[in-house]
Amino acid sequence: MATPTPQELAENALLSTLRENDRDRLVPHMLIFDLKAGDVLQRASDPVTETWFPCGSALASFIVSTSTSNDAVEVALIGREGAVGGIVSNGSLPSFSTATVRNAGKFLRIKTSALEHAKIDSLHLRHWFSRYSDCLLAQVFQTAACNAKHTITQRSAKWLIAAFRRTGSREFDMTQEQLAELLGVGRTFVTRTVSKLRAQGYIETRRGVFVVLNERGLADLSCRCTFAIENHFDTVMHGIYPAD
């Protein structure tokens, strides 16, 4: 493991748009990891001691379990526009959710204590991560509203569009069972929805893989929640969220 090069740092938009002196504060404390889908970045109730930055096509998910069953629901999807872990916290705090790797790829890791020290030295760095925290909270709010009001078809299309925008790839490692878990619905509902999307030419599926064929069509079919999140990112942190 080694510290990231400028080219590797540029694969995460949250880091690449920092001032050079702020990047210099962070880089010596960073390490590069190649992680696979399903790897756990943090577990619910464990102390948050690390901050992870997805790079390139890597994706991570925040997952929250219900108190009445073993079901889990995704509340936020994080790609190269963001970070997972201790972002604005001061000191060691327990994690409320579990964060896992959704799409395999490269992640940069820094100890949260080192990030906190860097923010003490730089007001701009502190404000930058506070702005990102606002955008992440907006995504959680929008997801809560989406889960309450929109159909499984709309939410499935929204998720596929969000993954497409963040990874820049038409293919994602994903089973229908995993998509059902992310949406918090039964497998049969997702099977029906996926069959419809496939029949209409929006997607293809192979064993454990989704392929986006018609992103414009999916965007029209989706509930538009992803675009509300994009607009908020663009207002608060222009240039961070991956462009269409």
Protein backbone atom coordinates (compact mmCIF):
# COMPACT_ATOMS: atom_id res chain seq x y z
CA MET A 1 0.00 0.00 0.00
CA ALA A 2 1.20 3.49 -0.85
CA THR A 3 0.02 7.08 -0.66
CA PRO A 4 -1.99 8.23 -3.69
CA THR A 5 -0.47 10.02 -6.66
CA PRO A 6 -2.05 13.25 -7.98
CA GLN A 7 -3.68 11.20 -10.76
CA GLU A 8 -5.21 8.79 -8.25
CA LEU A 9 -6.39 11.67 -6.07
CA ALA A 10 -8.12 13.20 -9.10
CA GLU A 11 -10.39 10.13 -9.34
CA ASN A 12 -12.38 11.45 -6.36
CA ALA A 13 -14.08 14.77 -7.12
CA LEU A 14 -14.38 15.79 -3.46
CA LEU A 15 -10.58 15.61 -3.13
CA SER A 16 -9.58 16.78 -6.60
CA THR A 17 -11.30 20.16 -6.19
CA LEU A 18 -9.58 20.97 -2.90
CA ARG A 19 -6.94 23.66 -2.75
CA GLU A 20 -3.44 22.29 -3.27
CA ASN A 21 -2.31 23.09 0.28
CA ASP A 22 -5.35 21.27 1.69
CA ARG A 23 -4.64 18.20 -0.44
CA ASP A 24 -1.07 18.31 0.83
CA ARG A 25 -2.39 18.14 4.38
CA LEU A 26 -4.29 14.91 3.63
CA VAL A 27 -2.18 12.91 1.18
CA PRO A 28 0.60 11.82 3.58
CA HIS A 29 -2.05 10.16 5.77
CA MET A 30 -3.83 8.33 2.93
CA LEU A 31 -3.54 4.75 1.70
CA ILE A 32 -4.99 3.09 -1.42
CA PHE A 33 -7.13 -0.04 -1.27
CA ASP A 34 -8.65 -2.18 -4.03
CA LEU A 35 -11.93 -3.42 -2.56
CA LYS A 36 -14.54 -5.83 -3.84
CA ALA A 37 -18.34 -5.68 -3.69
CA GLY A 38 -19.59 -6.63 -0.24
CA ASP A 39 -16.52 -5.45 1.68
CA VAL A 40 -17.55 -3.61 4.85
CA LEU A 41 -16.22 -0.08 5.39
CA GLN A 42 -17.94 0.47 8.74
CA ARG A 43 -20.46 -1.42 10.87
CA ALA A 44 -23.43 0.04 12.70
CA SER A 45 -22.64 0.88 16.35
CA ASP A 46 -18.85 0.55 15.85
CA PRO A 47 -16.67 3.64 16.42
CA VAL A 48 -16.04 5.62 13.23
CA THR A 49 -12.26 5.66 12.98
CA GLU A 50 -11.73 5.81 9.20
CA THR A 51 -12.90 7.90 6.26
CA TRP A 52 -13.09 6.34 2.79
CA PHE A 53 -13.12 8.08 -0.61
CA PRO A 54 -14.46 6.04 -3.58
CA CYS A 55 -12.49 6.60 -6.77
CA GLY A 56 -13.46 6.17 -10.40
CA SER A 57 -16.29 3.66 -10.75
CA ALA A 58 -16.22 2.50 -7.11
CA LEU A 59 -19.49 2.78 -5.17
CA ALA A 60 -20.43 2.43 -1.51
CA SER A 61 -23.83 2.20 0.18
CA PHE A 62 -25.12 3.24 3.57
CA ILE A 63 -27.40 0.47 4.82
CA VAL A 64 -29.82 0.76 7.75
CA SER A 65 -31.45 -2.31 9.34
CA THR A 66 -35.00 -2.17 10.69
CA SER A 67 -35.56 -2.85 14.38
CA THR A 68 -38.24 -5.47 13.77
CA SER A 69 -36.50 -7.78 11.30
CA ASN A 70 -33.24 -8.59 9.60
CA ASP A 71 -34.23 -6.54 6.56
CA ALA A 72 -31.92 -3.73 5.49
CA VAL A 73 -32.58 -0.71 3.27
CA GLU A 74 -30.14 1.49 1.41
CA VAL A 75 -30.41 5.15 2.45
CA ALA A 76 -27.53 6.65 0.42
CA LEU A 77 -25.32 5.70 -2.51
CA ILE A 78 -21.82 7.22 -2.54
CA GLY A 79 -19.55 7.40 -5.56
CA ARG A 80 -16.60 9.46 -6.66
CA GLU A 81 -18.41 12.64 -5.62
CA GLY A 82 -18.12 11.89 -1.91
CA ALA A 83 -16.82 10.09 1.14
CA VAL A 84 -17.89 7.53 3.74
CA GLY A 85 -17.04 7.71 7.43
CA GLY A 86 -16.01 10.50 9.78
CA ILE A 87 -16.73 13.63 7.75
CA VAL A 88 -17.76 16.32 10.24
CA SER A 89 -17.63 14.47 13.57
CA ASN A 90 -15.25 15.50 16.31
CA GLY A 91 -13.81 12.63 18.27
CA SER A 92 -14.79 8.96 18.22
CA LEU A 93 -18.53 8.48 17.63
CA PRO A 94 -20.51 5.31 16.89
CA SER A 95 -21.74 4.68 13.37
CA PHE A 96 -25.53 4.63 12.97
CA SER A 97 -25.43 2.69 9.70
CA THR A 98 -23.37 0.02 8.00
CA ALA A 99 -21.40 1.07 4.93
CA THR A 100 -20.46 -1.54 2.33
CA VAL A 101 -18.79 -1.53 -1.07
CA ARG A 102 -21.51 -1.68 -3.73
CA ASN A 103 -19.32 -1.58 -6.85
CA ALA A 104 -15.74 -2.85 -6.68
CA GLY A 105 -12.89 -0.44 -7.21
CA LYS A 106 -10.26 1.77 -5.67
CA PHE A 107 -10.81 3.52 -2.34
CA LEU A 108 -8.58 6.02 -0.54
CA ARG A 109 -8.54 5.74 3.25
CA ILE A 110 -7.53 8.23 5.90
CA LYS A 111 -7.82 7.87 9.65
CA THR A 112 -10.61 10.14 10.87
CA SER A 113 -8.29 11.54 13.56
CA ALA A 114 -5.85 12.69 10.84
CA LEU A 115 -8.70 14.30 8.89
CA GLU A 116 -9.84 16.11 12.05
CA HIS A 117 -6.35 17.48 12.67
CA ALA A 118 -6.17 18.74 9.08
CA LYS A 119 -9.51 20.52 9.47
CA ILE A 120 -8.25 22.25 12.61
CA ASP A 121 -5.40 23.67 10.51
CA SER A 122 -7.63 24.74 7.60
CA LEU A 123 -10.92 26.62 7.86
CA HIS A 124 -11.52 26.07 4.14
CA LEU A 125 -11.13 22.31 4.53
CA ARG A 126 -13.54 22.32 7.47
CA HIS A 127 -16.13 24.27 5.49
CA TRP A 128 -15.68 22.02 2.44
CA PHE A 129 -16.52 18.85 4.36
CA SER A 130 -19.41 20.59 6.11
CA ARG A 131 -20.84 21.42 2.70
CA TYR A 132 -20.50 17.81 1.64
CA SER A 133 -22.24 16.72 4.85
CA ASP A 134 -25.16 18.98 3.87
CA CYS A 135 -25.35 17.32 0.43
CA LEU A 136 -25.22 13.84 1.96
CA LEU A 137 -28.02 14.72 4.37
CA ALA A 138 -30.08 16.04 1.45
CA GLN A 139 -29.66 12.67 -0.26
CA VAL A 140 -30.88 10.84 2.86
CA PHE A 141 -33.91 13.18 3.10
CA GLN A 142 -34.74 12.65 -0.57
CA THR A 143 -34.40 8.87 -0.23
CA ALA A 144 -36.81 8.84 2.72
CA ALA A 145 -39.40 10.77 0.70
CA CYS A 146 -38.79 8.58 -2.34
CA ASN A 147 -39.28 5.33 -0.42
CA ALA A 148 -42.57 6.63 0.98
CA LYS A 149 -44.11 7.97 -2.21
CA HIS A 150 -42.74 6.39 -5.36
CA THR A 151 -43.32 3.07 -7.09
CA ILE A 152 -40.87 0.20 -7.24
CA THR A 153 -40.45 0.81 -10.98
CA GLN A 154 -39.62 4.48 -10.43
CA ARG A 155 -37.20 3.68 -7.61
CA SER A 156 -35.50 0.91 -9.57
CA ALA A 157 -34.98 3.25 -12.51
CA LYS A 158 -33.70 5.94 -10.14
CA TRP A 159 -31.13 3.59 -8.63
CA LEU A 160 -29.87 2.43 -12.03
CA ILE A 161 -29.54 6.02 -13.25
CA ALA A 162 -27.70 7.04 -10.06
CA ALA A 163 -25.25 4.15 -10.46
CA PHE A 164 -24.77 4.92 -14.15
CA ARG A 165 -24.00 8.60 -13.46
CA ARG A 166 -21.55 7.86 -10.67
CA THR A 167 -19.64 4.99 -12.29
CA GLY A 168 -19.73 6.11 -15.90
CA SER A 169 -20.31 2.44 -16.75
CA ARG A 170 -23.36 0.73 -18.21
CA GLU A 171 -22.66 -2.49 -16.32
CA PHE A 172 -23.01 -3.08 -12.57
CA ASP A 173 -22.42 -6.19 -10.49
CA MET A 174 -25.84 -6.65 -8.93
CA THR A 175 -28.30 -9.48 -8.40
CA GLN A 176 -32.06 -9.00 -8.36
CA GLU A 177 -32.07 -10.14 -4.74
CA GLN A 178 -29.58 -7.41 -3.84
CA LEU A 179 -31.66 -4.79 -5.65
CA ALA A 180 -34.72 -5.94 -3.68
CA GLU A 181 -32.76 -5.56 -0.44
CA LEU A 182 -31.61 -2.06 -1.43
CA LEU A 183 -35.17 -0.98 -2.19
CA GLY A 184 -36.59 -2.67 0.91
CA VAL A 185 -39.14 -4.74 -1.05
CA GLY A 186 -39.81 -8.41 -1.77
CA ARG A 187 -37.87 -10.26 -4.46
CA THR A 188 -41.03 -11.02 -6.47
CA PHE A 189 -41.79 -7.29 -6.88
CA VAL A 190 -38.28 -6.62 -8.21
CA THR A 191 -38.41 -9.66 -10.51
CA ARG A 192 -41.59 -8.30 -12.08
CA THR A 193 -40.11 -4.82 -12.43
CA VAL A 194 -36.85 -6.05 -13.94
CA SER A 195 -38.75 -8.21 -16.44
CA LYS A 196 -40.74 -5.15 -17.53
CA LEU A 197 -37.63 -2.96 -17.89
CA ARG A 198 -35.93 -5.69 -19.87
CA ALA A 199 -38.93 -6.20 -22.17
CA GLN A 200 -39.10 -2.45 -22.86
CA GLY A 201 -35.42 -2.38 -23.84
CA TYR A 202 -34.19 -0.24 -20.95
CA ILE A 203 -31.82 -2.86 -19.51
CA GLU A 204 -30.29 -6.27 -19.99
CA THR A 205 -29.44 -8.68 -17.18
CA ARG A 206 -26.93 -11.46 -16.94
CA ARG A 207 -26.09 -13.58 -13.95
CA GLY A 208 -25.23 -11.05 -11.25
CA VAL A 209 -24.97 -8.15 -13.72
CA PHE A 210 -27.27 -5.31 -14.79
CA VAL A 211 -26.60 -3.54 -18.11
CA VAL A 212 -28.13 -0.14 -18.88
CA LEU A 213 -29.18 0.05 -22.55
CA ASN A 214 -31.31 3.20 -22.59
CA GLU A 215 -30.34 5.69 -19.91
CA ARG A 216 -32.59 8.41 -21.33
CA GLY A 217 -35.56 6.10 -21.16
CA LEU A 218 -34.71 5.12 -17.59
CA ALA A 219 -34.36 8.78 -16.66
CA ASP A 220 -37.85 9.50 -18.02
CA LEU A 221 -39.22 6.49 -16.16
CA SER A 222 -37.56 7.36 -12.85
CA CYS A 223 -39.07 9.47 -10.09
CA ARG A 224 -36.57 12.31 -10.65
CA CYS A 225 -35.24 12.11 -7.10
CA THR A 226 -31.70 11.57 -8.38
CA PHE A 227 -31.94 14.82 -10.32
CA ALA A 228 -33.12 16.71 -7.24
CA ILE A 229 -30.00 15.46 -5.44
CA GLU A 230 -27.81 16.43 -8.41
CA ASN A 231 -29.28 19.95 -8.40
CA HIS A 232 -28.58 20.38 -4.69
CA PHE A 233 -25.01 19.18 -5.15
CA ASP A 234 -24.56 21.63 -8.01
CA THR A 235 -25.87 24.51 -5.90
CA VAL A 236 -23.82 23.75 -2.78
CA MET A 237 -20.68 22.21 -4.35
CA HIS A 238 -20.62 23.05 -8.05
CA GLY A 239 -18.72 20.55 -10.18
CA ILE A 240 -18.62 17.73 -7.60
CA TYR A 241 -21.46 15.50 -8.78
CA PRO A 242 -20.60 13.54 -11.95
CA ALA A 243 -21.98 15.21 -15.08
CA ASP A 244 -24.44 13.48 -17.40
